[in-house]
Amino acid sequence: MRPVISEVTAGALLREGRAALDVAGVEAPTRDAEWLLAAVLGVDRLSLYLESGRDVPPDAAARFRALVERRATREPLQHLTEFEEFHGLQLAVNPDVLIPRQETEGLVRWALEVLADEPAPMAVDLGTGSGAIACALADGLPRLKVVAIERSMPALAVASRNIHALGLGDRVTLVAGDLLAPLNPVEARVHLVIANPPYLPSAVLSTLPPEVARFEPWEALDGGPDGLAVSRRIVETAPSVLRRGGWLMMEIGEEQAGPLASLMASEGFTGLQARRDLAGVERYIAGQWAVASAGARRETC
């Protein structure tokens, strides 16, 4: 006779998964165990506690345990659930793209502010990756048109999946290429160039948490020896596609606001501003192309 495999409760599985992840040194073992079991069962996390005594079928329990084993090797939670929440949107992610970060939502909010009064705004998202910024902007401002550029073909496939799953295909156009190279400077006169470029110094990458160093694409992280290699190229080329008064906005690394503000000023950007993220770090920089102003300034909001 085939042995009878008894079922286990959701609560017992959560305790088991939390303990295994805690031993593995995962930063948030309780949260991660909840997300993994909720994904396996197709429910939200609250339901796990409202129905903690529910029996979980053996096949579902086996899938959960397999995911816990993978998470214990420090594979990112988002690669296991295959999605991440960003600015109120659920985005598909995989190892081909950088997992969208909460701090990048601050860049999106700022961009929506500066575009709010434009009747028919046009934006370009450089290095779109999963399409997070482009999708969030288009979702937040229905009259906005976005060109999302990415040179990685696997990343473009992820972005395309997200754009169409969110019903944004008529307002977000994907283009394959390196930064602004695919655009015709004569025809392109946009209100905003926005980017979350690679901005970590190369030497830092191997010291990052294993979830990042081992599983996320280094191309989306490596900003060269000082972290500014890609940002410099964006600053130098953005004027070719911006209309007068158009904005360049970028996410930046720690202590990069000063050098980038100087570079932007030398390229003709005015009204320079830097904003801080929720941790108090100057994380975003912006300036307008060819608008006379009293000069550069640094905000601390």
C-alpha atoms as a PDB file:
ATOM      1  CA  MET A   1       0.000   0.000   0.000  1.00  0.00           C
ATOM      2  CA  ARG A   2       1.098   3.561  -0.727  1.00  0.00           C
ATOM      3  CA  PRO A   3       1.735   5.405   2.564  1.00  0.00           C
ATOM      4  CA  VAL A   4      -0.759   8.106   3.493  1.00  0.00           C
ATOM      5  CA  ILE A   5       0.840  11.565   3.512  1.00  0.00           C
ATOM      6  CA  SER A   6      -0.779  13.694   6.152  1.00  0.00           C
ATOM      7  CA  GLU A   7      -1.586  17.322   5.533  1.00  0.00           C
ATOM      8  CA  VAL A   8      -0.006  20.110   7.521  1.00  0.00           C
ATOM      9  CA  THR A   9      -1.603  23.379   8.570  1.00  0.00           C
ATOM     10  CA  ALA A  10      -0.732  26.780   7.152  1.00  0.00           C
ATOM     11  CA  GLY A  11       0.347  27.962  10.589  1.00  0.00           C
ATOM     12  CA  ALA A  12       2.723  25.028  11.039  1.00  0.00           C
ATOM     13  CA  LEU A  13       4.241  25.599   7.607  1.00  0.00           C
ATOM     14  CA  LEU A  14       4.780  29.273   8.363  1.00  0.00           C
ATOM     15  CA  ARG A  15       6.615  28.424  11.571  1.00  0.00           C
ATOM     16  CA  GLU A  16       8.719  25.856   9.744  1.00  0.00           C
ATOM     17  CA  GLY A  17       9.600  28.240   6.927  1.00  0.00           C
ATOM     18  CA  ARG A  18      10.363  31.128   9.284  1.00  0.00           C
ATOM     19  CA  ALA A  19      12.737  28.980  11.311  1.00  0.00           C
ATOM     20  CA  ALA A  20      14.583  27.741   8.227  1.00  0.00           C
ATOM     21  CA  LEU A  21      15.006  31.259   6.831  1.00  0.00           C
ATOM     22  CA  ASP A  22      16.093  32.620  10.195  1.00  0.00           C
ATOM     23  CA  VAL A  23      18.854  30.008  10.439  1.00  0.00           C
ATOM     24  CA  ALA A  24      19.942  30.928   6.891  1.00  0.00           C
ATOM     25  CA  GLY A  25      20.388  34.565   7.916  1.00  0.00           C
ATOM     26  CA  VAL A  26      17.583  35.976   5.782  1.00  0.00           C
ATOM     27  CA  GLU A  27      16.840  39.524   6.914  1.00  0.00           C
ATOM     28  CA  ALA A  28      13.044  39.227   7.229  1.00  0.00           C
ATOM     29  CA  PRO A  29      12.264  35.507   7.679  1.00  0.00           C
ATOM     30  CA  THR A  30       8.669  35.945   8.838  1.00  0.00           C
ATOM     31  CA  ARG A  31       7.704  38.254   5.990  1.00  0.00           C
ATOM     32  CA  ASP A  32       9.399  36.101   3.372  1.00  0.00           C
ATOM     33  CA  ALA A  33       7.790  32.896   4.628  1.00  0.00           C
ATOM     34  CA  GLU A  34       4.410  34.622   4.475  1.00  0.00           C
ATOM     35  CA  TRP A  35       4.933  35.819   0.909  1.00  0.00           C
ATOM     36  CA  LEU A  36       6.071  32.384  -0.257  1.00  0.00           C
ATOM     37  CA  LEU A  37       3.175  30.496   1.301  1.00  0.00           C
ATOM     38  CA  ALA A  38       0.668  33.089   0.103  1.00  0.00           C
ATOM     39  CA  ALA A  39       2.050  32.726  -3.430  1.00  0.00           C
ATOM     40  CA  VAL A  40       1.789  28.937  -3.313  1.00  0.00           C
ATOM     41  CA  LEU A  41      -1.775  29.002  -1.987  1.00  0.00           C
ATOM     42  CA  GLY A  42      -2.925  31.916  -4.136  1.00  0.00           C
ATOM     43  CA  VAL A  43      -4.118  33.980  -1.163  1.00  0.00           C
ATOM     44  CA  ASP A  44      -3.066  37.216   0.536  1.00  0.00           C
ATOM     45  CA  ARG A  45      -0.838  37.222   3.601  1.00  0.00           C
ATOM     46  CA  LEU A  46      -3.623  38.186   6.002  1.00  0.00           C
ATOM     47  CA  SER A  47      -5.563  35.070   5.034  1.00  0.00           C
ATOM     48  CA  LEU A  48      -2.706  32.928   6.287  1.00  0.00           C
ATOM     49  CA  TYR A  49      -3.397  34.120   9.821  1.00  0.00           C
ATOM     50  CA  LEU A  50      -7.180  34.241   9.562  1.00  0.00           C
ATOM     51  CA  GLU A  51      -7.057  30.624   8.409  1.00  0.00           C
ATOM     52  CA  SER A  52      -3.888  29.424  10.108  1.00  0.00           C
ATOM     53  CA  GLY A  53      -5.511  26.098  10.913  1.00  0.00           C
ATOM     54  CA  ARG A  54      -6.381  25.301   7.310  1.00  0.00           C
ATOM     55  CA  ASP A  55      -4.851  22.113   5.954  1.00  0.00           C
ATOM     56  CA  VAL A  56      -2.336  22.543   3.148  1.00  0.00           C
ATOM     57  CA  PRO A  57      -2.278  19.699   0.603  1.00  0.00           C
ATOM     58  CA  PRO A  58       0.995  17.753   0.421  1.00  0.00           C
ATOM     59  CA  ASP A  59       1.860  18.992  -3.078  1.00  0.00           C
ATOM     60  CA  ALA A  60       1.434  22.632  -2.032  1.00  0.00           C
ATOM     61  CA  ALA A  61       3.468  22.034   1.117  1.00  0.00           C
ATOM     62  CA  ALA A  62       6.226  20.508  -1.011  1.00  0.00           C
ATOM     63  CA  ARG A  63       6.252  23.535  -3.342  1.00  0.00           C
ATOM     64  CA  PHE A  64       6.472  25.869  -0.349  1.00  0.00           C
ATOM     65  CA  ARG A  65       9.375  23.943   1.168  1.00  0.00           C
ATOM     66  CA  ALA A  66      11.205  23.992  -2.159  1.00  0.00           C
ATOM     67  CA  LEU A  67      10.817  27.771  -2.351  1.00  0.00           C
ATOM     68  CA  VAL A  68      12.025  28.142   1.223  1.00  0.00           C
ATOM     69  CA  GLU A  69      15.132  26.128   0.342  1.00  0.00           C
ATOM     70  CA  ARG A  70      15.827  28.440  -2.583  1.00  0.00           C
ATOM     71  CA  ARG A  71      15.267  31.544  -0.462  1.00  0.00           C
ATOM     72  CA  ALA A  72      17.647  30.120   2.141  1.00  0.00           C
ATOM     73  CA  THR A  73      20.381  30.225  -0.533  1.00  0.00           C
ATOM     74  CA  ARG A  74      19.594  33.985  -0.676  1.00  0.00           C
ATOM     75  CA  GLU A  75      17.821  33.871  -4.027  1.00  0.00           C
ATOM     76  CA  PRO A  76      15.693  37.047  -4.011  1.00  0.00           C
ATOM     77  CA  LEU A  77      12.137  36.718  -2.793  1.00  0.00           C
ATOM     78  CA  GLN A  78      10.910  38.517  -5.907  1.00  0.00           C
ATOM     79  CA  HIS A  79      12.516  35.925  -8.172  1.00  0.00           C
ATOM     80  CA  LEU A  80      10.581  33.233  -6.343  1.00  0.00           C
ATOM     81  CA  THR A  81       7.217  35.010  -6.361  1.00  0.00           C
ATOM     82  CA  GLU A  82       8.009  36.418  -9.843  1.00  0.00           C
ATOM     83  CA  PHE A  83       6.693  39.894  -9.077  1.00  0.00           C
ATOM     84  CA  GLU A  84       7.349  43.089  -7.148  1.00  0.00           C
ATOM     85  CA  GLU A  85       5.037  45.893  -6.097  1.00  0.00           C
ATOM     86  CA  PHE A  86       6.068  49.321  -7.367  1.00  0.00           C
ATOM     87  CA  HIS A  87       4.120  52.573  -7.066  1.00  0.00           C
ATOM     88  CA  GLY A  88       0.872  50.635  -6.684  1.00  0.00           C
ATOM     89  CA  LEU A  89       1.564  48.347  -9.647  1.00  0.00           C
ATOM     90  CA  GLN A  90       2.390  44.647  -9.689  1.00  0.00           C
ATOM     91  CA  LEU A  91       5.349  44.100 -12.002  1.00  0.00           C
ATOM     92  CA  ALA A  92       6.772  40.849 -13.289  1.00  0.00           C
ATOM     93  CA  VAL A  93      10.484  40.458 -12.533  1.00  0.00           C
ATOM     94  CA  ASN A  94      13.148  37.828 -13.135  1.00  0.00           C
ATOM     95  CA  PRO A  95      16.965  37.624 -13.043  1.00  0.00           C
ATOM     96  CA  ASP A  96      17.202  39.595 -16.305  1.00  0.00           C
ATOM     97  CA  VAL A  97      16.129  42.865 -14.658  1.00  0.00           C
ATOM     98  CA  LEU A  98      16.908  44.896 -11.581  1.00  0.00           C
ATOM     99  CA  ILE A  99      14.225  44.436  -8.947  1.00  0.00           C
ATOM    100  CA  PRO A 100      12.412  47.800  -8.582  1.00  0.00           C
ATOM    101  CA  ARG A 101      13.259  49.528  -5.307  1.00  0.00           C
ATOM    102  CA  GLN A 102      11.011  51.580  -3.065  1.00  0.00           C
ATOM    103  CA  GLU A 103      13.350  54.573  -3.228  1.00  0.00           C
ATOM    104  CA  THR A 104      12.824  54.805  -6.991  1.00  0.00           C
ATOM    105  CA  GLU A 105       9.173  55.603  -6.303  1.00  0.00           C
ATOM    106  CA  GLY A 106      10.416  58.976  -5.035  1.00  0.00           C
ATOM    107  CA  LEU A 107      11.848  59.717  -8.478  1.00  0.00           C
ATOM    108  CA  VAL A 108       8.507  58.827 -10.071  1.00  0.00           C
ATOM    109  CA  ARG A 109       6.584  61.095  -7.703  1.00  0.00           C
ATOM    110  CA  TRP A 110       8.895  64.003  -8.472  1.00  0.00           C
ATOM    111  CA  ALA A 111       8.551  63.443 -12.216  1.00  0.00           C
ATOM    112  CA  LEU A 112       4.763  63.405 -11.955  1.00  0.00           C
ATOM    113  CA  GLU A 113       4.958  66.729 -10.114  1.00  0.00           C
ATOM    114  CA  VAL A 114       6.926  68.486 -12.844  1.00  0.00           C
ATOM    115  CA  LEU A 115       4.736  67.076 -15.625  1.00  0.00           C
ATOM    116  CA  ALA A 116       1.415  67.727 -13.903  1.00  0.00           C
ATOM    117  CA  ASP A 117       0.622  70.953 -15.791  1.00  0.00           C
ATOM    118  CA  GLU A 118       1.759  69.814 -19.238  1.00  0.00           C
ATOM    119  CA  PRO A 119      -1.231  69.229 -21.551  1.00  0.00           C
ATOM    120  CA  ALA A 120       0.472  66.564 -23.683  1.00  0.00           C
ATOM    121  CA  PRO A 121       3.755  65.556 -22.040  1.00  0.00           C
ATOM    122  CA  MET A 122       6.371  63.322 -23.615  1.00  0.00           C
ATOM    123  CA  ALA A 123       9.000  61.448 -21.604  1.00  0.00           C
ATOM    124  CA  VAL A 124      11.946  59.145 -22.257  1.00  0.00           C
ATOM    125  CA  ASP A 125      12.907  56.465 -19.720  1.00  0.00           C
ATOM    126  CA  LEU A 126      16.511  55.359 -20.168  1.00  0.00           C
ATOM    127  CA  GLY A 127      17.524  51.820 -19.236  1.00  0.00           C
ATOM    128  CA  THR A 128      13.938  50.883 -18.505  1.00  0.00           C
ATOM    129  CA  GLY A 129      14.705  47.354 -17.250  1.00  0.00           C
ATOM    130  CA  SER A 130      11.404  45.896 -16.061  1.00  0.00           C
ATOM    131  CA  GLY A 131       9.617  49.013 -17.285  1.00  0.00           C
ATOM    132  CA  ALA A 132       8.909  50.103 -13.714  1.00  0.00           C
ATOM    133  CA  ILE A 133       9.452  53.842 -14.142  1.00  0.00           C
ATOM    134  CA  ALA A 134       7.788  54.028 -17.551  1.00  0.00           C
ATOM    135  CA  CYS A 135       4.734  52.088 -16.382  1.00  0.00           C
ATOM    136  CA  ALA A 136       4.397  54.063 -13.150  1.00  0.00           C
ATOM    137  CA  LEU A 137       4.590  57.377 -15.006  1.00  0.00           C
ATOM    138  CA  ALA A 138       2.055  56.340 -17.628  1.00  0.00           C
ATOM    139  CA  ASP A 139      -0.272  54.946 -14.985  1.00  0.00           C
ATOM    140  CA  GLY A 140       0.016  58.107 -12.882  1.00  0.00           C
ATOM    141  CA  LEU A 141      -0.533  60.543 -15.744  1.00  0.00           C
ATOM    142  CA  PRO A 142      -2.889  59.137 -18.400  1.00  0.00           C
ATOM    143  CA  ARG A 143      -2.115  61.851 -20.992  1.00  0.00           C
ATOM    144  CA  LEU A 144       1.625  61.091 -20.862  1.00  0.00           C
ATOM    145  CA  LYS A 145       3.435  59.299 -23.683  1.00  0.00           C
ATOM    146  CA  VAL A 146       6.650  57.466 -22.756  1.00  0.00           C
ATOM    147  CA  VAL A 147       9.461  56.046 -24.862  1.00  0.00           C
ATOM    148  CA  ALA A 148      11.231  53.365 -22.817  1.00  0.00           C
ATOM    149  CA  ILE A 149      14.729  52.474 -24.037  1.00  0.00           C
ATOM    150  CA  GLU A 150      16.706  49.387 -23.052  1.00  0.00           C
ATOM    151  CA  ARG A 151      19.686  47.667 -24.667  1.00  0.00           C
ATOM    152  CA  SER A 152      19.202  44.251 -23.020  1.00  0.00           C
ATOM    153  CA  MET A 153      16.857  42.128 -25.110  1.00  0.00           C
ATOM    154  CA  PRO A 154      15.899  39.837 -22.181  1.00  0.00           C
ATOM    155  CA  ALA A 155      15.036  42.923 -20.137  1.00  0.00           C
ATOM    156  CA  LEU A 156      12.955  44.288 -23.009  1.00  0.00           C
ATOM    157  CA  ALA A 157      10.925  41.081 -22.954  1.00  0.00           C
ATOM    158  CA  VAL A 158      10.136  41.626 -19.256  1.00  0.00           C
ATOM    159  CA  ALA A 159       9.224  45.271 -19.844  1.00  0.00           C
ATOM    160  CA  SER A 160       6.957  44.305 -22.735  1.00  0.00           C
ATOM    161  CA  ARG A 161       5.168  41.787 -20.543  1.00  0.00           C
ATOM    162  CA  ASN A 162       4.547  44.416 -17.870  1.00  0.00           C
ATOM    163  CA  ILE A 163       3.445  47.136 -20.267  1.00  0.00           C
ATOM    164  CA  HIS A 164       0.849  44.930 -21.897  1.00  0.00           C
ATOM    165  CA  ALA A 165      -0.329  43.293 -18.666  1.00  0.00           C
ATOM    166  CA  LEU A 166      -1.067  46.773 -17.312  1.00  0.00           C
ATOM    167  CA  GLY A 167      -2.846  47.888 -20.483  1.00  0.00           C
ATOM    168  CA  LEU A 168      -0.298  50.607 -21.247  1.00  0.00           C
ATOM    169  CA  GLY A 169       0.751  49.498 -24.703  1.00  0.00           C
ATOM    170  CA  ASP A 170      -0.835  52.497 -26.395  1.00  0.00           C
ATOM    171  CA  ARG A 171       1.150  54.998 -24.318  1.00  0.00           C
ATOM    172  CA  VAL A 172       4.486  53.303 -23.584  1.00  0.00           C
ATOM    173  CA  THR A 173       6.697  52.522 -26.577  1.00  0.00           C
ATOM    174  CA  LEU A 174       9.636  50.163 -26.138  1.00  0.00           C
ATOM    175  CA  VAL A 175      12.828  50.810 -28.102  1.00  0.00           C
ATOM    176  CA  ALA A 176      15.962  48.679 -28.197  1.00  0.00           C
ATOM    177  CA  GLY A 177      19.194  50.607 -27.890  1.00  0.00           C
ATOM    178  CA  ASP A 178      21.866  52.216 -25.746  1.00  0.00           C
ATOM    179  CA  LEU A 179      20.608  55.256 -23.836  1.00  0.00           C
ATOM    180  CA  LEU A 180      19.533  58.010 -26.279  1.00  0.00           C
ATOM    181  CA  ALA A 181      21.264  56.567 -29.356  1.00  0.00           C
ATOM    182  CA  PRO A 182      18.018  55.285 -30.974  1.00  0.00           C
ATOM    183  CA  LEU A 183      16.334  58.712 -30.947  1.00  0.00           C
ATOM    184  CA  ASN A 184      16.525  61.292 -33.719  1.00  0.00           C
ATOM    185  CA  PRO A 185      17.662  64.531 -32.038  1.00  0.00           C
ATOM    186  CA  VAL A 186      15.935  66.610 -34.713  1.00  0.00           C
ATOM    187  CA  GLU A 187      12.531  64.985 -34.187  1.00  0.00           C
ATOM    188  CA  ALA A 188      12.698  64.238 -30.455  1.00  0.00           C
ATOM    189  CA  ARG A 189      11.844  67.215 -28.280  1.00  0.00           C
ATOM    190  CA  VAL A 190      10.565  65.798 -25.024  1.00  0.00           C
ATOM    191  CA  HIS A 191       9.493  67.273 -21.700  1.00  0.00           C
ATOM    192  CA  LEU A 192      11.409  64.776 -19.564  1.00  0.00           C
ATOM    193  CA  VAL A 193      14.388  62.450 -19.716  1.00  0.00           C
ATOM    194  CA  ILE A 194      14.366  60.192 -16.669  1.00  0.00           C
ATOM    195  CA  ALA A 195      16.700  57.405 -15.602  1.00  0.00           C
ATOM    196  CA  ASN A 196      17.725  55.155 -12.768  1.00  0.00           C
ATOM    197  CA  PRO A 197      21.178  54.433 -14.209  1.00  0.00           C
ATOM    198  CA  PRO A 198      23.817  52.122 -12.786  1.00  0.00           C
ATOM    199  CA  TYR A 199      25.469  54.264 -10.119  1.00  0.00           C
ATOM    200  CA  LEU A 200      27.452  51.964  -7.836  1.00  0.00           C
ATOM    201  CA  PRO A 201      31.261  52.044  -8.059  1.00  0.00           C
ATOM    202  CA  SER A 202      32.525  48.805  -9.587  1.00  0.00           C
ATOM    203  CA  ALA A 203      34.563  47.896  -6.502  1.00  0.00           C
ATOM    204  CA  VAL A 204      31.435  47.894  -4.336  1.00  0.00           C
ATOM    205  CA  LEU A 205      29.515  45.241  -6.249  1.00  0.00           C
ATOM    206  CA  SER A 206      31.180  42.200  -4.689  1.00  0.00           C
ATOM    207  CA  THR A 207      30.414  43.529  -1.195  1.00  0.00           C
ATOM    208  CA  LEU A 208      26.663  43.798  -1.749  1.00  0.00           C
ATOM    209  CA  PRO A 209      24.202  41.419  -0.039  1.00  0.00           C
ATOM    210  CA  PRO A 210      24.145  38.024  -1.786  1.00  0.00           C
ATOM    211  CA  GLU A 211      20.594  38.640  -3.045  1.00  0.00           C
ATOM    212  CA  VAL A 212      22.035  41.468  -5.144  1.00  0.00           C
ATOM    213  CA  ALA A 213      25.613  40.424  -5.839  1.00  0.00           C
ATOM    214  CA  ARG A 214      24.753  36.875  -6.904  1.00  0.00           C
ATOM    215  CA  PHE A 215      21.345  37.188  -8.501  1.00  0.00           C
ATOM    216  CA  GLU A 216      20.766  40.639 -10.007  1.00  0.00           C
ATOM    217  CA  PRO A 217      22.274  41.843 -13.303  1.00  0.00           C
ATOM    218  CA  TRP A 218      25.526  43.681 -12.643  1.00  0.00           C
ATOM    219  CA  GLU A 219      25.010  45.693 -15.846  1.00  0.00           C
ATOM    220  CA  ALA A 220      22.141  47.478 -14.068  1.00  0.00           C
ATOM    221  CA  LEU A 221      24.329  48.246 -11.036  1.00  0.00           C
ATOM    222  CA  ASP A 222      27.880  48.924 -12.256  1.00  0.00           C
ATOM    223  CA  GLY A 223      28.519  52.640 -12.728  1.00  0.00           C
ATOM    224  CA  GLY A 224      32.232  52.299 -13.422  1.00  0.00           C
ATOM    225  CA  PRO A 225      35.161  53.210 -11.148  1.00  0.00           C
ATOM    226  CA  ASP A 226      33.413  56.158  -9.486  1.00  0.00           C
ATOM    227  CA  GLY A 227      29.817  55.139 -10.142  1.00  0.00           C
ATOM    228  CA  LEU A 228      29.219  58.052 -12.536  1.00  0.00           C
ATOM    229  CA  ALA A 229      30.159  56.615 -15.928  1.00  0.00           C
ATOM    230  CA  VAL A 230      26.603  56.156 -17.226  1.00  0.00           C
ATOM    231  CA  SER A 231      25.215  59.239 -15.480  1.00  0.00           C
ATOM    232  CA  ARG A 232      27.829  61.405 -17.210  1.00  0.00           C
ATOM    233  CA  ARG A 233      26.798  60.087 -20.616  1.00  0.00           C
ATOM    234  CA  ILE A 234      23.151  60.847 -19.854  1.00  0.00           C
ATOM    235  CA  VAL A 235      23.906  64.403 -18.759  1.00  0.00           C
ATOM    236  CA  GLU A 236      26.027  65.037 -21.855  1.00  0.00           C
ATOM    237  CA  THR A 237      23.471  63.660 -24.353  1.00  0.00           C
ATOM    238  CA  ALA A 238      20.088  64.566 -22.816  1.00  0.00           C
ATOM    239  CA  PRO A 239      20.124  68.145 -24.230  1.00  0.00           C
ATOM    240  CA  SER A 240      19.964  66.680 -27.754  1.00  0.00           C
ATOM    241  CA  VAL A 241      16.387  65.475 -27.191  1.00  0.00           C
ATOM    242  CA  LEU A 242      15.007  67.869 -24.575  1.00  0.00           C
ATOM    243  CA  ARG A 243      12.832  70.819 -25.500  1.00  0.00           C
ATOM    244  CA  ARG A 244      13.634  74.165 -23.929  1.00  0.00           C
ATOM    245  CA  GLY A 245      12.553  73.973 -20.285  1.00  0.00           C
ATOM    246  CA  GLY A 246      12.490  70.165 -20.368  1.00  0.00           C
ATOM    247  CA  TRP A 247      13.698  68.219 -17.349  1.00  0.00           C
ATOM    248  CA  LEU A 248      16.464  65.717 -16.768  1.00  0.00           C
ATOM    249  CA  MET A 249      15.838  63.629 -13.639  1.00  0.00           C
ATOM    250  CA  MET A 250      17.994  60.804 -12.329  1.00  0.00           C
ATOM    251  CA  GLU A 251      18.340  58.555  -9.318  1.00  0.00           C
ATOM    252  CA  ILE A 252      21.872  58.846  -7.941  1.00  0.00           C
ATOM    253  CA  GLY A 253      24.220  57.303  -5.403  1.00  0.00           C
ATOM    254  CA  GLU A 254      25.435  58.746  -2.142  1.00  0.00           C
ATOM    255  CA  GLU A 255      27.659  61.838  -2.466  1.00  0.00           C
ATOM    256  CA  GLN A 256      27.036  62.068  -6.221  1.00  0.00           C
ATOM    257  CA  ALA A 257      24.736  65.098  -6.132  1.00  0.00           C
ATOM    258  CA  GLY A 258      27.587  67.619  -6.013  1.00  0.00           C
ATOM    259  CA  PRO A 259      29.641  66.272  -8.921  1.00  0.00           C
ATOM    260  CA  LEU A 260      26.553  65.736 -11.076  1.00  0.00           C
ATOM    261  CA  ALA A 261      25.175  69.199 -10.313  1.00  0.00           C
ATOM    262  CA  SER A 262      28.470  70.700 -11.481  1.00  0.00           C
ATOM    263  CA  LEU A 263      28.408  68.637 -14.663  1.00  0.00           C
ATOM    264  CA  MET A 264      24.775  69.487 -15.377  1.00  0.00           C
ATOM    265  CA  ALA A 265      25.453  73.189 -14.895  1.00  0.00           C
ATOM    266  CA  SER A 266      28.395  73.026 -17.314  1.00  0.00           C
ATOM    267  CA  GLU A 267      26.127  71.376 -19.908  1.00  0.00           C
ATOM    268  CA  GLY A 268      23.554  74.165 -19.669  1.00  0.00           C
ATOM    269  CA  PHE A 269      21.065  72.830 -17.117  1.00  0.00           C
ATOM    270  CA  THR A 270      19.623  75.344 -14.667  1.00  0.00           C
ATOM    271  CA  GLY A 271      17.400  75.329 -11.581  1.00  0.00           C
ATOM    272  CA  LEU A 272      19.320  72.311 -10.290  1.00  0.00           C
ATOM    273  CA  GLN A 273      17.741  70.492  -7.374  1.00  0.00           C
ATOM    274  CA  ALA A 274      18.588  67.431  -5.302  1.00  0.00           C
ATOM    275  CA  ARG A 275      16.061  65.603  -3.162  1.00  0.00           C
ATOM    276  CA  ARG A 276      16.506  63.092  -0.381  1.00  0.00           C
ATOM    277  CA  ASP A 277      14.983  59.642  -0.049  1.00  0.00           C
ATOM    278  CA  LEU A 278      13.199  58.377   3.058  1.00  0.00           C
ATOM    279  CA  ALA A 279      16.548  57.487   4.619  1.00  0.00           C
ATOM    280  CA  GLY A 280      17.733  61.078   4.290  1.00  0.00           C
ATOM    281  CA  VAL A 281      20.188  60.365   1.465  1.00  0.00           C
ATOM    282  CA  GLU A 282      20.381  62.702  -1.523  1.00  0.00           C
ATOM    283  CA  ARG A 283      18.970  60.192  -3.971  1.00  0.00           C
ATOM    284  CA  TYR A 284      17.570  62.213  -6.875  1.00  0.00           C
ATOM    285  CA  ILE A 285      18.803  65.102  -8.989  1.00  0.00           C
ATOM    286  CA  ALA A 286      17.001  67.228 -11.558  1.00  0.00           C
ATOM    287  CA  GLY A 287      17.514  70.258 -13.736  1.00  0.00           C
ATOM    288  CA  GLN A 288      15.908  72.085 -16.649  1.00  0.00           C
ATOM    289  CA  TRP A 289      17.501  72.503 -20.023  1.00  0.00           C
ATOM    290  CA  ALA A 290      18.308  76.016 -21.235  1.00  0.00           C
ATOM    291  CA  VAL A 291      16.139  78.020 -18.837  1.00  0.00           C
ATOM    292  CA  ALA A 292      17.590  81.160 -17.312  1.00  0.00           C
ATOM    293  CA  SER A 293      17.536  81.045 -13.532  1.00  0.00           C
ATOM    294  CA  ALA A 294      19.237  82.405 -10.475  1.00  0.00           C
ATOM    295  CA  GLY A 295      21.539  79.371 -10.493  1.00  0.00           C
ATOM    296  CA  ALA A 296      21.821  75.975  -8.961  1.00  0.00           C
ATOM    297  CA  ARG A 297      20.337  75.075  -5.602  1.00  0.00           C
ATOM    298  CA  ARG A 298      20.162  71.979  -3.433  1.00  0.00           C
ATOM    299  CA  GLU A 299      16.882  71.013  -1.789  1.00  0.00           C
ATOM    300  CA  THR A 300      16.806  68.789   1.259  1.00  0.00           C
ATOM    301  CA  CYS A 301      13.199  67.636   1.043  1.00  0.00           C
END
